[in-house]
């Protein structure tokens, strides 16, 4: 029996909300650049280059949503949650400025690595409507910018083991919270910590494909 298709997800890291992509993207792209400063090189043909710092990784992807058959407003079902990622969240404040900012998020698709990011650009096009004008089909273009250094938020397979850190885990068939806790934190007793971090009331309802947040342990 073929395995079910794993849906791509965008998770709001401030409130835990997830936008599950109705259709996975056909492609996505990454780009990164570095800043170099030209220093004077008297008598030389080429100036000396001085590295001044790296710029964050930028990720672009296009998402497609269709609720026409159900007759639902595609905005209410899917795309409004994406727009929330570029709106200022009064409950989220920058630690340095103490001013409210839009939330951070994470793009996750199957076993690909993910990174903490912010949405820097969003555009939406509606292409199908109900007779009363309600939009039921939309294409959304997103640009995400890396918000945390790789050294602080390692690029890795979300199902990989190793020391616990800011990462995620994609639940597989047959997984249990105590098994995940043993694999990710080294001790099965930390299953309660995973449950509390992901608002899981009943560990027996853990479903394959769910993405669990695995924050650092705050206790031994």
N, C-alpha and C. Protein backbone atom coordinates (compact mmCIF):
# COMPACT_ATOMS: atom_id res chain seq x y z
N UNK A 1 0.86 -1.19 0.00
CA UNK A 1 0.00 0.00 0.00
C UNK A 1 0.89 1.24 0.00
N UNK A 2 0.68 2.17 -0.93
CA UNK A 2 1.53 3.36 -0.98
C UNK A 2 1.30 4.23 0.23
N UNK A 3 2.36 4.88 0.69
CA UNK A 3 2.23 5.77 1.84
C UNK A 3 1.49 7.03 1.44
N UNK A 4 0.81 7.65 2.42
CA UNK A 4 0.06 8.86 2.15
C UNK A 4 1.02 10.01 1.91
N UNK A 5 0.56 10.99 1.14
CA UNK A 5 1.39 12.15 0.82
C UNK A 5 1.51 13.04 2.05
N UNK A 6 2.73 13.38 2.38
CA UNK A 6 2.97 14.28 3.51
C UNK A 6 2.73 15.71 3.06
N UNK A 7 1.89 16.42 3.78
CA UNK A 7 1.57 17.79 3.43
C UNK A 7 2.61 18.77 3.97
N UNK A 8 2.92 19.76 3.17
CA UNK A 8 3.78 20.85 3.65
C UNK A 8 2.98 21.69 4.63
N UNK A 9 3.69 22.26 5.61
CA UNK A 9 3.03 23.05 6.65
C UNK A 9 3.85 24.30 6.93
N UNK A 10 3.15 25.34 7.31
CA UNK A 10 3.80 26.54 7.80
C UNK A 10 3.26 26.76 9.20
N UNK A 11 4.15 26.77 10.17
CA UNK A 11 3.75 26.85 11.58
C UNK A 11 4.07 28.21 12.16
N UNK A 12 3.04 28.84 12.74
CA UNK A 12 3.23 30.09 13.46
C UNK A 12 3.87 29.75 14.80
N UNK A 13 5.12 30.16 15.01
CA UNK A 13 5.84 29.76 16.21
C UNK A 13 5.43 30.54 17.46
N UNK A 14 4.60 31.55 17.29
CA UNK A 14 4.16 32.32 18.45
C UNK A 14 2.90 31.73 19.08
N UNK A 15 1.96 31.28 18.24
CA UNK A 15 0.72 30.73 18.80
C UNK A 15 0.50 29.25 18.48
N UNK A 16 1.43 28.65 17.70
CA UNK A 16 1.33 27.23 17.41
C UNK A 16 0.40 26.87 16.27
N UNK A 17 -0.27 27.87 15.68
CA UNK A 17 -1.19 27.57 14.58
C UNK A 17 -0.42 27.02 13.38
N UNK A 18 -1.04 26.08 12.66
CA UNK A 18 -0.43 25.50 11.48
C UNK A 18 -1.30 25.72 10.26
N UNK A 19 -0.69 26.12 9.16
CA UNK A 19 -1.38 26.21 7.88
C UNK A 19 -0.93 25.00 7.08
N UNK A 20 -1.83 24.06 6.89
CA UNK A 20 -1.50 22.85 6.14
C UNK A 20 -1.79 23.11 4.67
N UNK A 21 -0.78 22.93 3.83
CA UNK A 21 -0.95 23.21 2.41
C UNK A 21 -1.89 22.18 1.78
N UNK A 22 -2.92 22.66 1.10
CA UNK A 22 -3.87 21.78 0.45
C UNK A 22 -3.18 20.98 -0.66
N UNK A 23 -2.30 21.67 -1.38
CA UNK A 23 -1.48 21.04 -2.42
C UNK A 23 -0.03 21.44 -2.17
N UNK A 24 0.86 20.47 -2.20
CA UNK A 24 2.27 20.79 -1.97
C UNK A 24 2.82 21.66 -3.10
N UNK A 25 3.78 22.53 -2.79
CA UNK A 25 4.35 23.39 -3.84
C UNK A 25 5.05 22.57 -4.92
N UNK A 26 4.99 23.06 -6.15
CA UNK A 26 5.69 22.40 -7.25
C UNK A 26 7.20 22.58 -7.11
N UNK A 27 7.60 23.69 -6.52
CA UNK A 27 9.01 23.96 -6.32
C UNK A 27 9.17 25.05 -5.27
N UNK A 28 10.37 25.17 -4.75
CA UNK A 28 10.71 26.29 -3.88
C UNK A 28 12.19 26.57 -4.09
N UNK A 29 12.62 27.78 -3.77
CA UNK A 29 14.00 28.16 -4.03
C UNK A 29 14.60 28.87 -2.83
N UNK A 30 15.94 28.73 -2.69
CA UNK A 30 16.67 29.38 -1.63
C UNK A 30 17.73 30.30 -2.23
N UNK A 31 18.04 31.37 -1.55
CA UNK A 31 19.13 32.24 -1.97
C UNK A 31 19.79 32.84 -0.73
N UNK A 32 21.08 33.13 -0.84
CA UNK A 32 21.82 33.75 0.25
C UNK A 32 22.96 34.57 -0.34
N UNK A 33 23.26 35.68 0.27
CA UNK A 33 24.36 36.51 -0.20
C UNK A 33 25.19 36.98 0.99
N UNK A 34 26.37 37.48 0.70
CA UNK A 34 27.28 37.99 1.72
C UNK A 34 27.71 39.40 1.36
N UNK A 35 28.02 40.19 2.38
CA UNK A 35 28.48 41.56 2.18
C UNK A 35 30.01 41.62 2.22
N UNK A 36 30.58 42.23 1.17
CA UNK A 36 32.03 42.45 1.11
C UNK A 36 32.28 43.93 0.87
N UNK A 37 33.24 44.49 1.58
CA UNK A 37 33.57 45.90 1.45
C UNK A 37 34.91 46.04 0.73
N UNK A 38 34.94 46.99 -0.20
CA UNK A 38 36.19 47.25 -0.92
C UNK A 38 37.09 48.17 -0.09
N UNK A 39 38.29 47.69 0.19
CA UNK A 39 39.26 48.50 0.92
C UNK A 39 40.30 49.04 -0.06
N UNK A 40 40.86 50.19 0.24
CA UNK A 40 41.83 50.80 -0.66
C UNK A 40 43.08 49.93 -0.79
N UNK A 41 43.56 49.83 -2.01
CA UNK A 41 44.78 49.08 -2.29
C UNK A 41 45.67 49.99 -3.15
N UNK A 42 46.43 50.85 -2.49
CA UNK A 42 47.22 51.86 -3.21
C UNK A 42 48.19 51.20 -4.19
N UNK A 43 48.13 51.64 -5.44
CA UNK A 43 49.02 51.13 -6.46
C UNK A 43 48.61 49.80 -7.04
N UNK A 44 47.55 49.22 -6.56
CA UNK A 44 47.11 47.91 -7.05
C UNK A 44 45.99 48.04 -8.06
N UNK A 45 45.80 46.97 -8.82
CA UNK A 45 44.73 46.95 -9.82
C UNK A 45 43.37 46.56 -9.23
N UNK A 46 43.43 45.79 -8.16
CA UNK A 46 42.19 45.28 -7.56
C UNK A 46 42.15 45.64 -6.09
N UNK A 47 41.06 46.22 -5.60
CA UNK A 47 40.98 46.56 -4.18
C UNK A 47 40.93 45.31 -3.31
N UNK A 48 41.40 45.45 -2.08
CA UNK A 48 41.30 44.36 -1.12
C UNK A 48 39.86 44.25 -0.65
N UNK A 49 39.37 43.02 -0.60
CA UNK A 49 37.99 42.80 -0.17
C UNK A 49 37.96 42.39 1.30
N UNK A 50 37.07 43.05 2.03
CA UNK A 50 36.91 42.77 3.46
C UNK A 50 35.50 42.25 3.71
N UNK A 51 35.41 41.07 4.29
CA UNK A 51 34.10 40.47 4.58
C UNK A 51 33.46 41.18 5.76
N UNK A 52 32.25 41.69 5.58
CA UNK A 52 31.58 42.44 6.65
C UNK A 52 30.41 41.69 7.28
N UNK A 53 30.04 40.56 6.70
CA UNK A 53 28.96 39.77 7.31
C UNK A 53 28.07 39.09 6.29
N UNK A 54 27.42 38.06 6.74
CA UNK A 54 26.51 37.33 5.87
C UNK A 54 25.08 37.84 5.98
N UNK A 55 24.31 37.61 4.95
CA UNK A 55 22.90 37.98 4.96
C UNK A 55 22.06 36.72 5.16
N UNK A 56 20.83 36.89 5.62
CA UNK A 56 20.00 35.71 5.89
C UNK A 56 19.59 34.98 4.62
N UNK A 57 19.30 33.71 4.77
CA UNK A 57 18.78 32.91 3.66
C UNK A 57 17.36 33.38 3.34
N UNK A 58 17.05 33.46 2.08
CA UNK A 58 15.71 33.83 1.63
C UNK A 58 15.10 32.62 0.91
N UNK A 59 13.86 32.33 1.19
CA UNK A 59 13.17 31.19 0.59
C UNK A 59 11.90 31.70 -0.09
N UNK A 60 11.68 31.27 -1.33
CA UNK A 60 10.48 31.66 -2.07
C UNK A 60 9.71 30.41 -2.47
N UNK A 61 8.39 30.46 -2.29
CA UNK A 61 7.55 29.36 -2.70
C UNK A 61 6.17 29.86 -3.09
N UNK A 62 5.48 29.07 -3.87
CA UNK A 62 4.12 29.41 -4.31
C UNK A 62 3.17 28.31 -3.84
N UNK A 63 2.06 28.73 -3.24
CA UNK A 63 1.07 27.80 -2.70
C UNK A 63 -0.26 27.97 -3.42
N UNK A 64 -0.98 26.87 -3.56
CA UNK A 64 -2.25 26.87 -4.28
C UNK A 64 -3.32 26.28 -3.37
N UNK A 65 -4.46 26.97 -3.29
CA UNK A 65 -5.56 26.53 -2.43
C UNK A 65 -6.87 26.55 -3.21
N UNK A 66 -7.72 25.54 -3.00
CA UNK A 66 -8.99 25.44 -3.73
C UNK A 66 -10.06 24.87 -2.80
N UNK A 67 -11.10 25.66 -2.54
CA UNK A 67 -12.21 25.22 -1.69
C UNK A 67 -13.53 25.28 -2.46
N UNK A 68 -13.45 25.30 -3.79
CA UNK A 68 -14.65 25.51 -4.59
C UNK A 68 -15.67 24.38 -4.42
N UNK A 69 -15.19 23.16 -4.39
CA UNK A 69 -16.11 22.04 -4.27
C UNK A 69 -16.89 22.07 -2.97
N UNK A 70 -16.22 22.49 -1.90
CA UNK A 70 -16.89 22.59 -0.60
C UNK A 70 -17.73 23.85 -0.48
N UNK A 71 -17.46 24.84 -1.36
CA UNK A 71 -18.20 26.09 -1.32
C UNK A 71 -17.77 27.02 -0.20
N UNK A 72 -16.57 26.80 0.33
CA UNK A 72 -16.08 27.63 1.44
C UNK A 72 -15.24 28.79 0.93
N UNK A 73 -15.15 29.83 1.73
CA UNK A 73 -14.30 30.97 1.42
C UNK A 73 -12.85 30.54 1.64
N UNK A 74 -12.04 30.60 0.60
CA UNK A 74 -10.66 30.13 0.70
C UNK A 74 -9.84 30.96 1.69
N UNK A 75 -10.27 32.20 1.91
CA UNK A 75 -9.56 33.05 2.87
C UNK A 75 -9.74 32.54 4.30
N UNK A 76 -11.00 32.22 4.63
CA UNK A 76 -11.29 31.73 5.98
C UNK A 76 -10.65 30.36 6.23
N UNK A 77 -10.65 29.53 5.20
CA UNK A 77 -10.14 28.16 5.37
C UNK A 77 -8.62 28.10 5.39
N UNK A 78 -7.95 28.99 4.63
CA UNK A 78 -6.51 28.87 4.49
C UNK A 78 -5.74 30.19 4.55
N UNK A 79 -6.02 31.09 3.63
CA UNK A 79 -5.05 32.16 3.37
C UNK A 79 -5.02 33.28 4.41
N UNK A 80 -6.10 33.49 5.16
CA UNK A 80 -6.05 34.53 6.19
C UNK A 80 -4.94 34.25 7.21
N UNK A 81 -4.73 32.96 7.50
CA UNK A 81 -3.69 32.58 8.47
C UNK A 81 -2.31 32.91 7.94
N UNK A 82 -2.13 32.88 6.62
CA UNK A 82 -0.85 33.27 6.03
C UNK A 82 -0.63 34.77 6.16
N UNK A 83 -1.69 35.53 5.95
CA UNK A 83 -1.58 36.98 6.08
C UNK A 83 -1.28 37.40 7.52
N UNK A 84 -1.71 36.58 8.49
CA UNK A 84 -1.40 36.88 9.89
C UNK A 84 0.11 36.88 10.14
N UNK A 85 0.86 36.20 9.27
CA UNK A 85 2.31 36.11 9.45
C UNK A 85 3.04 37.40 9.07
N UNK A 86 2.33 38.34 8.43
CA UNK A 86 2.95 39.63 8.10
C UNK A 86 2.29 40.78 8.87
N UNK A 87 1.34 40.45 9.73
CA UNK A 87 0.68 41.47 10.54
C UNK A 87 1.32 41.52 11.91
N UNK A 88 1.39 42.72 12.48
CA UNK A 88 1.96 42.89 13.81
C UNK A 88 1.11 42.14 14.83
N UNK A 89 1.77 41.33 15.64
CA UNK A 89 1.11 40.59 16.71
C UNK A 89 1.37 41.31 18.02
N UNK A 90 0.32 41.93 18.62
CA UNK A 90 0.52 42.71 19.85
C UNK A 90 1.14 41.89 20.99
N UNK A 91 0.94 40.57 20.96
CA UNK A 91 1.46 39.73 22.05
C UNK A 91 2.91 39.34 21.84
N UNK A 92 3.47 39.64 20.65
CA UNK A 92 4.86 39.28 20.37
C UNK A 92 5.70 40.55 20.29
N UNK A 93 6.69 40.67 21.18
CA UNK A 93 7.51 41.87 21.22
C UNK A 93 8.98 41.52 21.03
N UNK A 94 9.67 42.40 20.31
CA UNK A 94 11.11 42.25 20.12
C UNK A 94 11.80 42.42 21.47
N UNK A 95 12.70 41.48 21.80
CA UNK A 95 13.36 41.50 23.11
C UNK A 95 14.18 42.76 23.32
N UNK A 96 14.72 43.35 22.24
CA UNK A 96 15.56 44.52 22.38
C UNK A 96 14.77 45.82 22.40
N UNK A 97 13.80 45.95 21.50
CA UNK A 97 13.07 47.20 21.37
C UNK A 97 11.78 47.23 22.18
N UNK A 98 11.31 46.03 22.57
CA UNK A 98 10.03 45.90 23.27
C UNK A 98 8.85 46.40 22.43
N UNK A 99 9.04 46.41 21.12
CA UNK A 99 7.95 46.79 20.22
C UNK A 99 7.36 45.53 19.59
N UNK A 100 6.06 45.57 19.34
CA UNK A 100 5.39 44.41 18.76
C UNK A 100 5.83 44.20 17.32
N UNK A 101 5.93 42.94 16.92
CA UNK A 101 6.34 42.58 15.57
C UNK A 101 5.45 41.47 15.04
N UNK A 102 5.50 41.20 13.74
CA UNK A 102 4.81 40.02 13.22
C UNK A 102 5.46 38.76 13.81
N UNK A 103 4.75 37.65 13.81
CA UNK A 103 5.29 36.42 14.40
C UNK A 103 6.37 35.78 13.54
N UNK A 104 7.18 34.94 14.16
CA UNK A 104 8.11 34.10 13.42
C UNK A 104 7.39 32.81 13.04
N UNK A 105 7.94 32.11 12.05
CA UNK A 105 7.27 30.91 11.57
C UNK A 105 8.30 29.87 11.15
N UNK A 106 7.81 28.72 10.71
CA UNK A 106 8.69 27.65 10.27
C UNK A 106 8.01 26.90 9.13
N UNK A 107 8.72 26.73 8.02
CA UNK A 107 8.21 25.93 6.91
C UNK A 107 8.73 24.51 7.07
N UNK A 108 7.84 23.53 6.98
CA UNK A 108 8.22 22.13 7.17
C UNK A 108 7.51 21.27 6.13
N UNK A 109 8.28 20.43 5.47
CA UNK A 109 7.68 19.52 4.50
C UNK A 109 8.37 18.17 4.62
N UNK A 110 7.68 17.19 5.18
CA UNK A 110 8.23 15.87 5.34
C UNK A 110 9.50 15.88 6.15
N UNK A 111 10.57 15.32 5.58
CA UNK A 111 11.82 15.20 6.32
C UNK A 111 12.86 16.24 5.91
N UNK A 112 12.44 17.26 5.15
CA UNK A 112 13.39 18.31 4.80
C UNK A 112 13.71 19.15 6.03
N UNK A 113 14.89 19.73 6.07
CA UNK A 113 15.22 20.58 7.20
C UNK A 113 14.38 21.84 7.16
N UNK A 114 14.29 22.48 8.29
CA UNK A 114 13.50 23.70 8.37
C UNK A 114 14.29 24.74 9.14
N UNK A 115 13.82 25.97 9.08
CA UNK A 115 14.51 27.01 9.84
C UNK A 115 13.52 28.07 10.29
N UNK A 116 13.88 28.73 11.38
CA UNK A 116 13.06 29.79 11.92
C UNK A 116 13.12 30.98 10.98
N UNK A 117 11.98 31.56 10.64
CA UNK A 117 11.95 32.60 9.62
C UNK A 117 10.85 33.61 9.90
N UNK A 118 10.88 34.68 9.12
CA UNK A 118 9.77 35.65 9.10
C UNK A 118 9.32 35.78 7.65
N UNK A 119 8.07 36.11 7.46
CA UNK A 119 7.55 36.34 6.11
C UNK A 119 7.81 37.79 5.74
N UNK A 120 8.56 38.00 4.69
CA UNK A 120 8.89 39.37 4.27
C UNK A 120 8.04 39.85 3.11
N UNK A 121 7.39 38.93 2.42
CA UNK A 121 6.54 39.35 1.30
C UNK A 121 5.47 38.30 1.05
N UNK A 122 4.26 38.76 0.77
CA UNK A 122 3.16 37.87 0.44
C UNK A 122 2.30 38.54 -0.63
N UNK A 123 1.91 37.77 -1.62
CA UNK A 123 0.96 38.27 -2.62
C UNK A 123 -0.03 37.16 -2.92
N UNK A 124 -1.26 37.55 -3.18
CA UNK A 124 -2.35 36.59 -3.34
C UNK A 124 -3.18 36.93 -4.57
N UNK A 125 -3.51 35.89 -5.32
CA UNK A 125 -4.34 36.09 -6.51
C UNK A 125 -5.51 35.12 -6.45
N UNK A 126 -6.73 35.65 -6.59
CA UNK A 126 -7.93 34.82 -6.62
C UNK A 126 -8.30 34.52 -8.07
N UNK A 127 -8.64 33.25 -8.35
CA UNK A 127 -8.91 32.86 -9.74
C UNK A 127 -10.26 32.16 -9.93
N UNK A 128 -11.00 31.92 -8.85
CA UNK A 128 -12.31 31.28 -8.98
C UNK A 128 -13.21 31.78 -7.86
N UNK A 129 -14.52 31.96 -8.17
CA UNK A 129 -15.43 32.57 -7.21
C UNK A 129 -16.80 31.87 -7.25
N UNK A 130 -17.54 31.99 -6.15
CA UNK A 130 -18.93 31.57 -6.13
C UNK A 130 -19.76 32.66 -6.79
N UNK A 131 -21.02 32.38 -7.00
CA UNK A 131 -21.89 33.35 -7.68
C UNK A 131 -22.03 34.66 -6.92
N UNK A 132 -21.81 34.62 -5.60
CA UNK A 132 -21.93 35.85 -4.81
C UNK A 132 -20.59 36.57 -4.66
N UNK A 133 -19.56 36.08 -5.37
CA UNK A 133 -18.26 36.74 -5.34
C UNK A 133 -17.29 36.19 -4.32
N UNK A 134 -17.71 35.21 -3.53
CA UNK A 134 -16.82 34.61 -2.54
C UNK A 134 -15.67 33.88 -3.22
N UNK A 135 -14.42 34.22 -2.93
CA UNK A 135 -13.29 33.55 -3.58
C UNK A 135 -13.11 32.13 -3.06
N UNK A 136 -12.89 31.19 -3.99
CA UNK A 136 -12.73 29.79 -3.60
C UNK A 136 -11.44 29.17 -4.14
N UNK A 137 -10.69 29.93 -4.88
CA UNK A 137 -9.41 29.42 -5.39
C UNK A 137 -8.40 30.56 -5.34
N UNK A 138 -7.20 30.26 -4.82
CA UNK A 138 -6.20 31.31 -4.66
C UNK A 138 -4.79 30.75 -4.85
N UNK A 139 -3.94 31.60 -5.38
CA UNK A 139 -2.51 31.31 -5.47
C UNK A 139 -1.79 32.33 -4.59
N UNK A 140 -0.92 31.85 -3.72
CA UNK A 140 -0.21 32.73 -2.79
C UNK A 140 1.29 32.57 -2.99
N UNK A 141 1.98 33.69 -3.21
CA UNK A 141 3.44 33.71 -3.31
C UNK A 141 4.00 34.22 -2.00
N UNK A 142 4.93 33.46 -1.41
CA UNK A 142 5.53 33.81 -0.13
C UNK A 142 7.04 33.93 -0.24
N UNK A 143 7.58 34.90 0.49
CA UNK A 143 9.02 34.98 0.66
C UNK A 143 9.31 34.95 2.15
N UNK A 144 10.13 33.99 2.57
CA UNK A 144 10.52 33.85 3.97
C UNK A 144 11.99 34.19 4.12
N UNK A 145 12.32 34.86 5.21
CA UNK A 145 13.71 35.22 5.47
C UNK A 145 14.15 34.60 6.79
N UNK A 146 15.30 33.98 6.76
CA UNK A 146 15.88 33.32 7.92
C UNK A 146 15.99 34.31 9.09
N UNK A 147 15.55 33.86 10.29
CA UNK A 147 15.53 34.76 11.43
C UNK A 147 16.51 34.36 12.53
N UNK A 148 17.21 33.26 12.35
CA UNK A 148 18.12 32.80 13.38
C UNK A 148 19.30 32.10 12.75
N UNK A 149 20.49 32.33 13.30
CA UNK A 149 21.71 31.74 12.77
C UNK A 149 21.65 30.22 12.80
N UNK A 150 22.25 29.59 11.79
CA UNK A 150 22.27 28.14 11.74
C UNK A 150 22.93 27.53 12.97
N UNK A 151 23.92 28.22 13.55
CA UNK A 151 24.61 27.69 14.72
C UNK A 151 23.70 27.63 15.93
N UNK A 152 22.70 28.54 15.95
CA UNK A 152 21.77 28.54 17.07
C UNK A 152 20.55 27.67 16.76
N UNK A 153 20.28 27.49 15.48
CA UNK A 153 19.11 26.72 15.05
C UNK A 153 19.56 25.81 13.92
N UNK A 154 20.18 24.66 14.22
CA UNK A 154 20.87 23.85 13.22
C UNK A 154 19.98 23.37 12.09
N UNK A 155 20.52 23.42 10.86
CA UNK A 155 19.85 22.84 9.72
C UNK A 155 20.00 21.33 9.86
N UNK A 156 18.90 20.60 9.91
CA UNK A 156 19.01 19.16 10.06
C UNK A 156 17.71 18.50 9.70
N UNK A 157 17.79 17.20 9.49
CA UNK A 157 16.59 16.40 9.30
C UNK A 157 15.79 16.47 10.58
N UNK A 158 14.50 16.85 10.53
CA UNK A 158 13.74 17.00 11.76
C UNK A 158 13.53 15.70 12.50
N UNK A 159 13.78 14.54 11.85
CA UNK A 159 13.61 13.27 12.54
C UNK A 159 14.94 12.73 13.03
N UNK A 160 16.02 13.52 12.91
CA UNK A 160 17.32 13.04 13.33
C UNK A 160 17.45 13.10 14.84
N UNK A 161 18.36 12.28 15.37
CA UNK A 161 18.58 12.27 16.80
C UNK A 161 19.59 13.32 17.18
N UNK A 162 20.24 13.09 18.33
CA UNK A 162 21.24 14.03 18.78
C UNK A 162 20.74 14.87 19.92
N UNK A 163 21.53 15.83 20.30
CA UNK A 163 21.16 16.67 21.44
C UNK A 163 19.93 17.49 21.12
N UNK A 164 19.14 17.71 22.13
CA UNK A 164 17.90 18.46 21.93
C UNK A 164 18.20 19.92 21.65
N UNK A 165 17.40 20.53 20.79
CA UNK A 165 17.55 21.94 20.48
C UNK A 165 16.26 22.46 19.90
N UNK A 166 16.29 23.63 19.32
CA UNK A 166 15.10 24.19 18.69
C UNK A 166 14.88 23.49 17.35
N UNK A 167 14.06 22.46 17.34
CA UNK A 167 13.81 21.73 16.12
C UNK A 167 12.43 21.11 16.16
N UNK A 168 12.10 20.36 15.15
CA UNK A 168 10.79 19.73 15.07
C UNK A 168 10.95 18.25 14.75
N UNK A 169 9.86 17.52 14.91
CA UNK A 169 9.85 16.08 14.62
C UNK A 169 8.56 15.74 13.91
N UNK A 170 8.67 15.03 12.79
CA UNK A 170 7.50 14.60 12.04
C UNK A 170 7.11 13.21 12.52
N UNK A 171 5.91 13.09 13.08
CA UNK A 171 5.45 11.82 13.65
C UNK A 171 5.25 10.79 12.54
N UNK A 172 5.74 9.58 12.79
CA UNK A 172 5.61 8.49 11.84
C UNK A 172 4.68 7.42 12.39
N UNK A 173 4.21 6.55 11.52
CA UNK A 173 3.36 5.45 11.93
C UNK A 173 4.08 4.61 12.99
N UNK A 174 3.39 4.35 14.10
CA UNK A 174 3.97 3.53 15.16
C UNK A 174 4.72 4.31 16.21
N UNK A 175 4.89 5.62 16.02
CA UNK A 175 5.60 6.44 17.00
C UNK A 175 4.78 6.60 18.29
N UNK A 176 5.48 6.75 19.39
CA UNK A 176 4.84 7.07 20.67
C UNK A 176 5.64 8.21 21.30
N UNK A 177 4.99 8.95 22.20
CA UNK A 177 5.68 10.09 22.81
C UNK A 177 6.89 9.65 23.64
N UNK A 178 6.77 8.53 24.35
CA UNK A 178 7.92 8.10 25.14
C UNK A 178 9.07 7.65 24.26
N UNK A 179 8.75 7.04 23.11
CA UNK A 179 9.78 6.64 22.18
C UNK A 179 10.49 7.84 21.56
N UNK A 180 9.69 8.86 21.20
CA UNK A 180 10.27 10.08 20.64
C UNK A 180 11.14 10.77 21.68
N UNK A 181 10.65 10.81 22.94
CA UNK A 181 11.40 11.45 24.02
C UNK A 181 12.75 10.75 24.23
N UNK A 182 12.75 9.43 24.17
CA UNK A 182 14.00 8.68 24.35
C UNK A 182 14.97 8.97 23.21
N UNK A 183 14.44 9.02 21.98
CA UNK A 183 15.29 9.23 20.81
C UNK A 183 15.84 10.66 20.77
N UNK A 184 15.02 11.64 21.15
CA UNK A 184 15.41 13.04 21.01
C UNK A 184 16.07 13.63 22.26
N UNK A 185 15.64 13.16 23.44
CA UNK A 185 16.16 13.73 24.68
C UNK A 185 16.99 12.74 25.51
N UNK A 186 17.00 11.48 25.08
CA UNK A 186 17.82 10.49 25.79
C UNK A 186 17.13 9.77 26.91
N UNK A 187 15.92 10.22 27.30
CA UNK A 187 15.17 9.58 28.37
C UNK A 187 13.68 9.62 28.03
N UNK A 188 13.02 8.47 28.18
CA UNK A 188 11.60 8.38 27.81
C UNK A 188 10.71 9.18 28.75
N UNK A 189 11.22 9.48 29.97
CA UNK A 189 10.40 10.21 30.94
C UNK A 189 10.05 11.62 30.48
N UNK A 190 10.76 12.11 29.47
CA UNK A 190 10.50 13.47 29.00
C UNK A 190 9.32 13.55 28.04
N UNK A 191 8.56 12.44 27.93
CA UNK A 191 7.38 12.48 27.04
C UNK A 191 6.38 13.53 27.51
N UNK A 192 6.32 13.74 28.82
CA UNK A 192 5.38 14.74 29.35
C UNK A 192 5.78 16.15 28.90
N UNK A 193 7.09 16.38 28.84
CA UNK A 193 7.58 17.69 28.39
C UNK A 193 7.17 17.94 26.94
N UNK A 194 7.27 16.92 26.09
CA UNK A 194 6.86 17.04 24.69
C UNK A 194 5.36 17.27 24.62
N UNK A 195 4.60 16.53 25.42
CA UNK A 195 3.14 16.68 25.41
C UNK A 195 2.73 18.08 25.82
N UNK A 196 3.34 18.60 26.88
CA UNK A 196 3.01 19.95 27.35
C UNK A 196 3.42 21.01 26.34
N UNK A 197 4.56 20.80 25.68
CA UNK A 197 5.05 21.78 24.70
C UNK A 197 4.18 21.85 23.46
N UNK A 198 3.43 20.77 23.20
CA UNK A 198 2.59 20.71 22.00
C UNK A 198 1.10 20.62 22.31
N UNK A 199 0.73 20.91 23.57
CA UNK A 199 -0.69 20.91 23.99
C UNK A 199 -1.38 19.60 23.65
N UNK A 200 -0.71 18.50 23.96
CA UNK A 200 -1.29 17.17 23.72
C UNK A 200 -1.90 16.68 25.02
N UNK A 201 -3.22 16.53 25.04
CA UNK A 201 -3.91 16.05 26.25
C UNK A 201 -3.94 14.54 26.33
N UNK A 202 -4.04 13.88 25.17
CA UNK A 202 -4.11 12.43 25.13
C UNK A 202 -3.01 11.89 24.23
N UNK A 203 -1.95 11.31 24.81
CA UNK A 203 -0.83 10.80 24.00
C UNK A 203 -1.25 9.72 23.00
N UNK A 204 -2.37 9.05 23.25
CA UNK A 204 -2.82 7.97 22.37
C UNK A 204 -3.42 8.50 21.07
N UNK A 205 -3.65 9.82 21.01
CA UNK A 205 -4.23 10.39 19.79
C UNK A 205 -3.16 10.91 18.83
N UNK A 206 -1.89 10.63 19.13
CA UNK A 206 -0.79 11.09 18.28
C UNK A 206 -0.94 10.52 16.88
N UNK A 207 -1.01 11.40 15.87
CA UNK A 207 -1.27 10.94 14.50
C UNK A 207 -0.04 11.10 13.62
N UNK A 208 0.18 10.16 12.70
CA UNK A 208 1.30 10.27 11.75
C UNK A 208 1.18 11.56 10.93
N UNK A 209 2.31 12.20 10.69
CA UNK A 209 2.32 13.43 9.91
C UNK A 209 2.29 14.68 10.75
N UNK A 210 1.91 14.55 12.04
CA UNK A 210 1.89 15.74 12.90
C UNK A 210 3.33 16.19 13.16
N UNK A 211 3.52 17.50 13.20
CA UNK A 211 4.84 18.06 13.47
C UNK A 211 4.90 18.51 14.93
N UNK A 212 5.82 17.93 15.68
CA UNK A 212 5.98 18.26 17.09
C UNK A 212 7.12 19.25 17.27
N UNK A 213 6.90 20.25 18.10
CA UNK A 213 7.98 21.16 18.48
C UNK A 213 8.82 20.49 19.55
N UNK A 214 10.14 20.58 19.42
CA UNK A 214 11.06 19.98 20.39
C UNK A 214 11.97 21.08 20.95
N UNK A 215 11.45 21.85 21.91
CA UNK A 215 12.26 22.91 22.50
C UNK A 215 13.32 22.32 23.42
N UNK A 216 14.33 23.12 23.79
CA UNK A 216 15.34 22.62 24.73
C UNK A 216 14.71 22.30 26.07
N UNK A 217 15.22 21.28 26.74
CA UNK A 217 14.74 20.97 28.07
C UNK A 217 15.10 22.10 29.03
N UNK A 218 14.15 22.46 29.86
CA UNK A 218 14.43 23.52 30.83
C UNK A 218 14.72 22.93 32.20
N UNK A 219 14.89 21.62 32.22
CA UNK A 219 15.22 20.96 33.48
C UNK A 219 15.98 19.69 33.16
N UNK A 220 16.63 19.13 34.14
CA UNK A 220 17.42 17.94 33.93
C UNK A 220 16.62 16.67 33.96
